[in-house]
Each structure stands twice: as structure tokens, then as C-alpha cells.
Protein backbone atom coordinates (compact mmCIF):
# COMPACT_ATOMS: atom_id res chain seq x y z
CA MET A 1 -27.09 -95.32 -86.15
CA ILE A 2 -28.31 -95.28 -82.59
CA ARG A 3 -30.45 -92.38 -81.26
CA ILE A 4 -30.93 -91.52 -77.57
CA ASN A 5 -33.84 -89.46 -76.29
CA LEU A 6 -32.60 -87.13 -73.52
CA LEU A 7 -35.73 -85.02 -72.93
CA PRO A 8 -37.04 -86.76 -69.78
CA VAL A 9 -33.62 -86.49 -68.19
CA ARG A 10 -33.58 -82.69 -68.72
CA LYS A 11 -36.95 -82.34 -66.97
CA LYS A 12 -35.66 -84.26 -64.01
CA GLU A 13 -32.56 -82.03 -63.86
CA LYS A 14 -34.73 -78.91 -63.96
CA LYS A 15 -36.95 -80.23 -61.18
CA SER A 16 -33.90 -81.07 -59.07
CA THR A 17 -32.38 -77.60 -59.54
CA ALA A 18 -35.62 -75.84 -58.59
CA ARG A 19 -35.92 -78.02 -55.50
CA GLN A 20 -32.36 -77.12 -54.47
CA ILE A 21 -33.06 -73.41 -54.96
CA LEU A 22 -36.20 -73.66 -52.84
CA LEU A 23 -34.31 -75.53 -50.15
CA LEU A 24 -31.52 -72.94 -50.23
CA TYR A 25 -34.02 -70.08 -50.04
CA GLY A 26 -35.82 -71.72 -47.13
CA LEU A 27 -32.51 -72.32 -45.37
CA CYS A 28 -31.57 -68.64 -45.84
CA VAL A 29 -34.92 -67.57 -44.46
CA ILE A 30 -34.48 -69.84 -41.45
CA LEU A 31 -30.91 -68.66 -40.84
CA THR A 32 -31.98 -65.04 -41.22
CA GLY A 33 -34.80 -65.58 -38.73
CA ILE A 34 -32.42 -67.25 -36.29
CA GLY A 35 -29.98 -64.34 -36.67
CA ILE A 36 -32.69 -61.77 -36.12
CA PHE A 37 -34.00 -63.69 -33.13
CA TYR A 38 -30.44 -63.89 -31.68
CA LEU A 39 -29.86 -60.15 -32.20
CA TRP A 40 -33.23 -59.35 -30.66
CA GLN A 41 -32.44 -61.50 -27.65
CA THR A 42 -29.00 -59.88 -27.33
CA GLN A 43 -30.43 -56.37 -27.53
CA ALA A 44 -33.20 -57.27 -25.08
CA ARG A 45 -30.63 -58.53 -22.58
CA GLU A 46 -28.52 -55.38 -23.09
CA ILE A 47 -31.57 -53.16 -22.61
CA ASP A 48 -32.47 -55.08 -19.48
CA ARG A 49 -28.90 -54.73 -18.18
CA LEU A 50 -28.82 -51.00 -18.91
CA SER A 51 -32.22 -50.53 -17.28
CA LYS A 52 -31.00 -52.24 -14.13
CA ARG A 53 -27.79 -50.16 -14.19
CA ASP A 54 -29.83 -46.98 -14.64
CA ALA A 55 -32.04 -47.89 -11.70
CA GLN A 56 -28.93 -48.62 -9.62
CA LEU A 57 -27.35 -45.29 -10.52
CA ARG A 58 -30.56 -43.43 -9.75
CA ALA A 59 -30.67 -45.12 -6.36
CA GLU A 60 -27.07 -44.09 -5.68
CA VAL A 61 -27.75 -40.50 -6.78
CA ALA A 62 -30.76 -40.34 -4.48
CA LYS A 63 -28.64 -41.82 -1.69
CA TYR A 64 -25.87 -39.25 -2.00
CA ALA A 65 -28.11 -36.27 -2.81
CA LYS A 66 -28.68 -35.59 0.87
CA TYR A 67 -24.92 -35.52 1.47
CA GLU A 68 -24.53 -33.02 -1.36
CA ARG A 69 -27.14 -30.80 0.28
CA LEU A 70 -25.30 -31.11 3.59
CA VAL A 71 -22.01 -30.13 1.93
CA LYS A 72 -23.63 -27.05 0.35
CA GLU A 73 -25.17 -26.06 3.69
CA ILE A 74 -21.80 -26.48 5.41
CA GLN A 75 -20.10 -24.34 2.74
CA LYS A 76 -22.71 -21.59 3.20
CA LYS A 77 -22.27 -21.70 6.98
CA LYS A 78 -18.51 -21.58 6.52
CA GLU A 79 -18.80 -18.46 4.34
CA VAL A 80 -21.01 -16.78 6.95
CA ILE A 81 -18.53 -17.68 9.71
CA GLU A 82 -15.61 -16.34 7.65
CA ARG A 83 -17.44 -13.04 7.11
CA LYS A 84 -18.16 -12.80 10.83
CA LYS A 85 -14.53 -13.59 11.63
CA THR A 86 -13.41 -10.83 9.26
CA VAL A 87 -15.72 -8.33 10.97
CA ILE A 88 -14.57 -9.46 14.43
CA ARG A 89 -10.90 -9.19 13.45
CA GLY A 90 -11.57 -5.67 12.15
CA LEU A 91 -13.27 -4.71 15.41
CA GLN A 92 -10.51 -6.25 17.54
CA LYS A 93 -7.86 -4.56 15.46
CA ASP A 94 -8.93 -1.10 16.67
CA ARG A 95 -11.46 -1.98 19.35
CA ASP A 96 -10.30 0.90 21.55
CA GLN A 97 -10.17 3.42 18.70
CA MET A 98 -12.99 5.56 20.11
CA ALA A 99 -11.31 5.87 23.49
CA ARG A 100 -7.99 6.70 21.86
CA ASN A 101 -9.58 9.37 19.67
CA LEU A 102 -11.29 10.99 22.63
CA ALA A 103 -8.04 10.96 24.59
CA LEU A 104 -6.24 12.41 21.57
CA MET A 105 -8.69 15.32 21.30
CA SER A 106 -8.43 16.06 25.00
CA LEU A 107 -4.65 16.30 24.65
CA LEU A 108 -4.64 18.44 21.52
CA VAL A 109 -7.32 20.97 22.46
CA PRO A 110 -5.88 24.14 24.04
CA PRO A 111 -7.06 24.10 27.70
CA GLU A 112 -9.39 26.87 28.82
CA LYS A 113 -9.47 28.20 25.25
CA ILE A 114 -11.76 25.82 23.39
CA TRP A 115 -14.88 23.88 24.40
CA PHE A 116 -16.54 21.22 22.30
CA GLN A 117 -20.25 21.42 21.65
CA SER A 118 -20.25 18.15 19.70
CA LEU A 119 -17.71 15.62 18.50
CA SER A 120 -18.59 13.03 15.86
CA LEU A 121 -16.20 10.14 15.16
CA SER A 122 -17.09 7.84 12.30
CA GLY A 123 -14.97 5.77 9.93
CA GLY A 124 -11.76 7.55 10.89
CA ARG A 125 -13.25 11.00 10.39
CA ALA A 126 -13.77 13.53 13.17
CA ASP A 127 -16.30 16.39 12.90
CA ILE A 128 -16.00 18.97 15.66
CA ASN A 129 -18.36 21.77 16.60
CA GLY A 130 -17.12 24.06 19.33
CA ILE A 131 -16.66 27.45 20.95
CA ALA A 132 -13.27 29.19 21.14
CA ARG A 133 -12.05 32.28 22.94
CA SER A 134 -10.53 33.66 19.75
CA ASN A 135 -9.38 32.89 16.24
CA GLU A 136 -5.88 32.37 17.67
CA ALA A 137 -7.20 29.54 19.84
CA ILE A 138 -8.76 27.89 16.81
CA ALA A 139 -5.50 28.26 14.86
CA GLU A 140 -3.56 26.75 17.77
CA PHE A 141 -5.92 23.78 17.91
CA MET A 142 -5.54 23.21 14.17
CA ARG A 143 -1.73 23.37 14.48
CA ASN A 144 -1.87 20.78 17.23
CA LEU A 145 -4.00 18.52 15.05
CA ARG A 146 -1.66 18.83 12.07
CA ALA A 147 1.37 18.10 14.25
CA SER A 148 -0.10 14.90 15.68
CA PRO A 149 1.04 11.64 14.08
CA TYR A 150 -2.50 10.35 14.57
CA VAL A 151 -4.00 13.00 12.27
CA PHE A 152 -3.54 13.29 8.52
CA LYS A 153 -2.08 16.75 8.16
CA ASP A 154 -3.83 17.77 4.94
CA SER A 155 -7.21 16.59 6.23
CA VAL A 156 -7.57 19.33 8.88
CA GLN A 157 -10.13 21.75 7.44
CA LEU A 158 -11.99 24.67 9.06
CA SER A 159 -15.44 24.90 7.47
CA HIS A 160 -17.11 27.51 9.69
CA SER A 161 -16.10 30.27 12.09
CA LYS A 162 -18.16 33.21 13.30
CA GLN A 163 -18.42 35.53 16.26
CA VAL A 164 -21.14 34.82 18.81
CA THR A 165 -22.06 36.39 22.11
CA ILE A 166 -22.52 34.03 25.04
CA ALA A 167 -23.23 35.33 28.54
CA GLY A 168 -22.18 38.80 27.41
CA ARG A 169 -18.80 37.59 26.10
CA LYS A 170 -17.72 37.67 22.48
CA LEU A 171 -16.53 34.20 21.45
CA ARG A 172 -15.93 32.31 18.23
CA GLU A 173 -18.18 29.47 17.07
CA PHE A 174 -16.40 27.07 14.71
CA LYS A 175 -16.71 23.80 12.82
CA LEU A 176 -13.75 21.77 11.60
CA SER A 177 -13.03 18.24 10.46
CA CYS A 178 -10.04 15.96 10.12
CA SER A 179 -9.15 12.35 9.34
CA ILE A 180 -7.63 10.29 12.14
CA ARG A 181 -5.11 7.54 11.56
CA ALA A 182 -5.94 4.23 13.27
CA TYR A 183 -3.52 3.11 15.94
CA SER A 184 -2.81 -0.15 14.14
CA GLU A 185 -2.01 1.78 10.94
CA LEU A 186 0.32 4.13 12.79
CA ARG A 187 2.04 1.22 14.52
CA ALA A 188 2.59 -0.50 11.16
CA ALA A 189 4.06 2.73 9.75
CA LEU A 190 6.40 3.00 12.72
CA GLN A 191 7.54 -0.59 12.30
CA GLU A 192 8.20 0.04 8.62
CA GLN A 193 10.12 3.21 9.53
CA LYS A 194 12.29 1.28 12.00
CA ALA A 195 12.95 -1.42 9.41
CA LYS A 196 14.11 1.21 6.92
CA GLU A 197 16.36 2.79 9.54
CA LYS A 198 18.00 -0.58 10.20
CA THR A 199 18.64 -1.17 6.51
CA GLY A 200 20.10 2.33 6.15
CA THR A 201 17.44 3.70 3.84
CA THR A 202 15.97 7.11 4.43
CA PRO A 203 12.67 6.68 6.30
CA SER A 204 9.64 8.67 5.36
CA ALA A 205 7.91 10.04 8.42
CA PRO A 206 4.19 9.30 8.81
CA GLN A 207 1.96 12.03 7.42
CA GLY A 208 1.18 14.68 9.97
CA ALA A 209 4.56 14.98 11.69
CA LYS A 210 8.24 15.29 10.80
CA SER A 211 9.25 12.72 13.38
CA VAL A 212 7.16 10.22 15.29
CA SER A 213 7.78 8.70 18.67
CA GLN A 214 6.45 5.27 19.56
CA PRO A 215 2.83 5.66 20.71
CA GLN A 216 1.98 4.21 24.07
CA GLY A 217 -0.62 1.49 24.59
């Protein structure tokens, strides 16, 4: 019977396996290091690219910031101009309103019966202080105001009336107020009235008069 001793062979196999494991471990370490180094390089390049892009964008923002300020300044100036234009249009709309109101009062006041001491015209409201020959003269003046298409009928109010003696004559001191319709407003009402008449609808006369004739001027 033949016997074979295999122990030395087993030792060699064990040494070979351990060497292979060490080689494999070293190879994994090397590959892992290479991978980490590659990822680090990739991330470094990406960070560098993003940094350059950020610097470029900041430069562009700084470049166009002055134009943004100019646009905002232009918008503010435009708003100011629009407000001024609105005020100017309002003034032009009834620029001769004061003259018209004074002319209106001179036409409506009973001649030789009433004298104005003061006349205040503000915001479409008239406040009148005056002297009248009698209560009848004051009543006549108020009727004239209510009949005028330029005056809001219900706005005519007498707030004060008392007897005074001036130069030995007994007269009446009075205060009254009324609201005056702007010429442009009256003209618009007349145009609307004419349009209704053309369409056959019943027109509503402007407040203060049953019928209105076209104002002159």
C-alpha cells in the first residue's frame, strides 16, 4: 500500500490564497483611492465652474443694476407727470368757472334790491353775505337761484337774515349758500338729455330747472 504525504501542499495552497486576498484587498484600496480622487477632481472642477459662473452673474447684475435704477426713476417721474396732467386737465376743464359764477350771480341778483358784501366761491359752493331792501328781495334772489340750471335747487339755503339800519334806512342783512353746477357738468347733462330725446325716451331735466336751454360759451 502506497501512502502520500499531502501536508506541505496544503501549506502552499494556504499561502497562495492569503497572497491572493492581500492582492485583491490592495487592488480594491487602489481602485477606491482612484475613484475618490476622480470624484474629488470632478467636484473641484464643478465648484470652479460654478464659482466662475457666479462671478459672471454678479458682474452682469452689477452691470444692469444701474439700468434698473434708471427704470425706477423714470417710472416715478412718469407717475408725477401723470398726476400733474390730471390736475391740469381738471383746471382746463372748468378754467373759467370763477368768471362764469360771477357772471351768473350778477344775472340772478335782483338789480337795485340786493348788494353783496362778500361772495366766496370754493369747490362748487357759493357763500354769500349781503344787504337787501326787504325780505321779498331775498326771496326773489333765492327763487332766481333755484330756477337757474347752474344751481342745484335743493342746495339754496338761507342761514341768516336780520334787520339792520344803514344810513338811516332799515334794510335786511342776510347770509345764504348754494352749490353751483360746473359748466362742463351741465353741458354733459344737456348732451345726455338731447341723446334721450333722439331715442324717444323721456329726458330728465337737470336739477334746478324744469327745462334747460343750451348755455352759451
